[in-house]
């Protein structure tokens, strides 16, 4: 996948919209498409920009950064 290719997309599930990334990340379900797109943008910047090299900021666990919840 090249740097200019999109990594994220939005998917509608009933009344909700959520963002997905090719890395496996799935954002929270949102009622507004614009919020799902914002989630995708933040994820791409935080996890896939060359400035961060995909590491979460200090104090943020990888589960928090990916939006995944563990039991």
N, C-alpha and C. Protein backbone atom coordinates (compact mmCIF):
# COMPACT_ATOMS: atom_id res chain seq x y z
N UNK A 1 0.85 -1.18 0.00
CA UNK A 1 0.00 0.00 0.00
C UNK A 1 0.89 1.24 0.00
N UNK A 2 0.66 2.11 -0.93
CA UNK A 2 1.45 3.32 -1.04
C UNK A 2 1.00 4.40 -0.08
N UNK A 3 1.84 5.40 0.15
CA UNK A 3 1.50 6.45 1.10
C UNK A 3 0.32 7.32 0.65
N UNK A 4 0.04 7.34 -0.66
CA UNK A 4 -1.05 8.17 -1.15
C UNK A 4 -2.39 7.43 -1.20
N UNK A 5 -2.38 6.13 -0.92
CA UNK A 5 -3.61 5.36 -0.98
C UNK A 5 -4.38 5.49 0.33
N UNK A 6 -5.70 5.53 0.26
CA UNK A 6 -6.49 5.65 1.49
C UNK A 6 -6.38 4.40 2.33
N UNK A 7 -6.25 4.59 3.63
CA UNK A 7 -6.17 3.47 4.58
C UNK A 7 -7.52 3.25 5.24
N UNK A 8 -8.34 4.29 5.31
CA UNK A 8 -9.59 4.19 6.07
C UNK A 8 -10.80 4.32 5.16
N UNK A 9 -11.91 3.82 5.67
CA UNK A 9 -13.20 3.98 5.00
C UNK A 9 -14.27 4.03 6.07
N UNK A 10 -15.46 4.42 5.68
CA UNK A 10 -16.58 4.41 6.61
C UNK A 10 -17.58 3.35 6.17
N UNK A 11 -18.24 2.76 7.14
CA UNK A 11 -19.21 1.69 6.90
C UNK A 11 -20.46 2.02 7.69
N UNK A 12 -21.61 1.85 7.05
CA UNK A 12 -22.88 2.10 7.75
C UNK A 12 -23.45 0.79 8.26
N UNK A 13 -23.87 0.81 9.51
CA UNK A 13 -24.51 -0.33 10.16
C UNK A 13 -25.81 0.18 10.77
N UNK A 14 -26.89 0.01 10.05
CA UNK A 14 -28.17 0.54 10.53
C UNK A 14 -28.12 2.05 10.62
N UNK A 15 -28.47 2.58 11.79
CA UNK A 15 -28.47 4.03 11.99
C UNK A 15 -27.09 4.58 12.33
N UNK A 16 -26.08 3.72 12.36
CA UNK A 16 -24.76 4.14 12.79
C UNK A 16 -23.75 4.05 11.66
N UNK A 17 -22.68 4.83 11.80
CA UNK A 17 -21.59 4.84 10.85
C UNK A 17 -20.31 4.66 11.66
N UNK A 18 -19.39 3.86 11.14
CA UNK A 18 -18.12 3.68 11.83
C UNK A 18 -17.00 3.69 10.82
N UNK A 19 -15.82 4.01 11.31
CA UNK A 19 -14.63 4.07 10.45
C UNK A 19 -13.85 2.79 10.62
N UNK A 20 -13.23 2.34 9.54
CA UNK A 20 -12.35 1.17 9.56
C UNK A 20 -11.04 1.53 8.89
N UNK A 21 -10.00 0.82 9.30
CA UNK A 21 -8.68 1.02 8.70
C UNK A 21 -8.16 -0.31 8.20
N UNK A 22 -7.29 -0.27 7.21
CA UNK A 22 -6.71 -1.50 6.68
C UNK A 22 -5.81 -2.19 7.71
N UNK A 23 -5.42 -1.51 8.80
CA UNK A 23 -4.59 -2.13 9.84
C UNK A 23 -5.43 -2.96 10.80
N UNK A 24 -6.77 -2.91 10.66
CA UNK A 24 -7.64 -3.67 11.55
C UNK A 24 -8.39 -2.83 12.56
N UNK A 25 -8.00 -1.57 12.70
CA UNK A 25 -8.67 -0.67 13.64
C UNK A 25 -10.10 -0.42 13.20
N UNK A 26 -11.01 -0.38 14.17
CA UNK A 26 -12.41 -0.03 13.92
C UNK A 26 -12.80 1.03 14.95
N UNK A 27 -13.29 2.14 14.47
CA UNK A 27 -13.68 3.23 15.36
C UNK A 27 -15.04 2.99 16.00
N UNK A 28 -15.40 3.84 16.94
CA UNK A 28 -16.69 3.70 17.60
C UNK A 28 -17.84 4.02 16.64
N UNK A 29 -18.99 3.41 16.90
CA UNK A 29 -20.18 3.68 16.09
C UNK A 29 -20.66 5.10 16.38
N UNK A 30 -20.95 5.82 15.32
CA UNK A 30 -21.39 7.22 15.44
C UNK A 30 -22.69 7.39 14.67
N UNK A 31 -23.53 8.30 15.12
CA UNK A 31 -24.74 8.61 14.37
C UNK A 31 -24.45 9.58 13.23
N UNK A 32 -23.39 10.35 13.35
CA UNK A 32 -23.02 11.33 12.31
C UNK A 32 -21.83 10.82 11.50
N UNK A 33 -21.99 10.78 10.19
CA UNK A 33 -20.89 10.34 9.32
C UNK A 33 -19.66 11.21 9.50
N UNK A 34 -19.89 12.51 9.71
CA UNK A 34 -18.76 13.43 9.85
C UNK A 34 -17.90 13.05 11.06
N UNK A 35 -18.51 12.57 12.14
CA UNK A 35 -17.73 12.17 13.32
C UNK A 35 -16.94 10.89 13.03
N UNK A 36 -17.52 9.96 12.28
CA UNK A 36 -16.79 8.75 11.90
C UNK A 36 -15.60 9.11 11.02
N UNK A 37 -15.79 10.06 10.09
CA UNK A 37 -14.67 10.50 9.25
C UNK A 37 -13.60 11.18 10.09
N UNK A 38 -14.02 11.97 11.09
CA UNK A 38 -13.05 12.60 12.00
C UNK A 38 -12.26 11.55 12.77
N UNK A 39 -12.94 10.50 13.24
CA UNK A 39 -12.26 9.41 13.95
C UNK A 39 -11.20 8.79 13.04
N UNK A 40 -11.55 8.56 11.78
CA UNK A 40 -10.62 7.97 10.82
C UNK A 40 -9.42 8.89 10.60
N UNK A 41 -9.67 10.17 10.48
CA UNK A 41 -8.59 11.12 10.26
C UNK A 41 -7.62 11.15 11.45
N UNK A 42 -8.17 11.18 12.66
CA UNK A 42 -7.34 11.18 13.86
C UNK A 42 -6.53 9.89 13.94
N UNK A 43 -7.18 8.77 13.67
CA UNK A 43 -6.47 7.49 13.69
C UNK A 43 -5.32 7.47 12.69
N UNK A 44 -5.58 7.90 11.47
CA UNK A 44 -4.55 7.90 10.44
C UNK A 44 -3.38 8.78 10.83
N UNK A 45 -3.68 9.96 11.35
CA UNK A 45 -2.62 10.88 11.78
C UNK A 45 -1.83 10.31 12.95
N UNK A 46 -2.54 9.78 13.95
CA UNK A 46 -1.87 9.28 15.15
C UNK A 46 -1.10 7.98 14.92
N UNK A 47 -1.64 7.09 14.11
CA UNK A 47 -1.06 5.76 13.99
C UNK A 47 -0.24 5.54 12.72
N UNK A 48 -0.46 6.30 11.68
CA UNK A 48 0.17 5.99 10.41
C UNK A 48 1.00 7.12 9.82
N UNK A 49 1.13 8.22 10.53
CA UNK A 49 1.97 9.30 9.99
C UNK A 49 3.43 8.98 10.27
N UNK A 50 4.31 9.49 9.45
CA UNK A 50 5.73 9.22 9.63
C UNK A 50 6.26 9.85 10.91
N UNK A 51 5.56 10.86 11.44
CA UNK A 51 6.02 11.53 12.66
C UNK A 51 5.90 10.64 13.88
N UNK A 52 4.89 9.76 13.91
CA UNK A 52 4.68 8.93 15.10
C UNK A 52 5.14 7.49 14.90
N UNK A 53 5.37 7.07 13.67
CA UNK A 53 5.77 5.70 13.38
C UNK A 53 4.82 4.66 13.96
N UNK A 54 3.54 5.03 14.16
CA UNK A 54 2.56 4.07 14.62
C UNK A 54 2.58 3.78 16.10
N UNK A 55 3.36 4.54 16.87
CA UNK A 55 3.37 4.31 18.31
C UNK A 55 2.42 5.29 18.98
N UNK A 56 1.66 4.81 19.97
CA UNK A 56 0.74 5.72 20.66
C UNK A 56 1.50 6.76 21.47
N UNK A 57 0.89 7.90 21.72
CA UNK A 57 1.53 8.92 22.53
C UNK A 57 1.79 8.40 23.95
N UNK A 58 2.73 9.00 24.68
CA UNK A 58 3.01 8.57 26.06
C UNK A 58 1.74 8.61 26.91
N UNK A 59 1.56 7.59 27.72
CA UNK A 59 0.40 7.53 28.61
C UNK A 59 -0.83 6.91 27.98
N UNK A 60 -0.76 6.56 26.70
CA UNK A 60 -1.90 5.95 26.01
C UNK A 60 -1.54 4.51 25.67
N UNK A 61 -2.36 3.57 26.15
CA UNK A 61 -2.09 2.16 25.85
C UNK A 61 -2.43 1.89 24.39
N UNK A 62 -1.91 0.80 23.86
CA UNK A 62 -2.21 0.47 22.46
C UNK A 62 -3.69 0.18 22.28
N UNK A 63 -4.37 -0.38 23.30
CA UNK A 63 -5.81 -0.62 23.21
C UNK A 63 -6.57 0.69 23.12
N UNK A 64 -6.17 1.69 23.91
CA UNK A 64 -6.83 3.00 23.84
C UNK A 64 -6.58 3.65 22.49
N UNK A 65 -5.39 3.52 21.98
CA UNK A 65 -5.05 4.16 20.70
C UNK A 65 -5.79 3.52 19.55
N UNK A 66 -6.05 2.23 19.62
CA UNK A 66 -6.72 1.56 18.52
C UNK A 66 -8.23 1.60 18.66
N UNK A 67 -8.73 1.99 19.85
CA UNK A 67 -10.17 2.03 20.07
C UNK A 67 -10.75 0.67 20.38
N UNK A 68 -9.89 -0.31 20.60
CA UNK A 68 -10.38 -1.66 20.91
C UNK A 68 -10.49 -1.83 22.41
N UNK A 69 -11.48 -2.53 22.82
CA UNK A 69 -11.71 -2.78 24.24
C UNK A 69 -11.45 -4.26 24.54
N UNK A 70 -10.65 -4.50 25.55
CA UNK A 70 -10.38 -5.87 25.95
C UNK A 70 -11.20 -6.21 27.17
N UNK A 71 -11.55 -7.46 27.31
CA UNK A 71 -12.34 -7.91 28.47
C UNK A 71 -11.44 -8.28 29.61
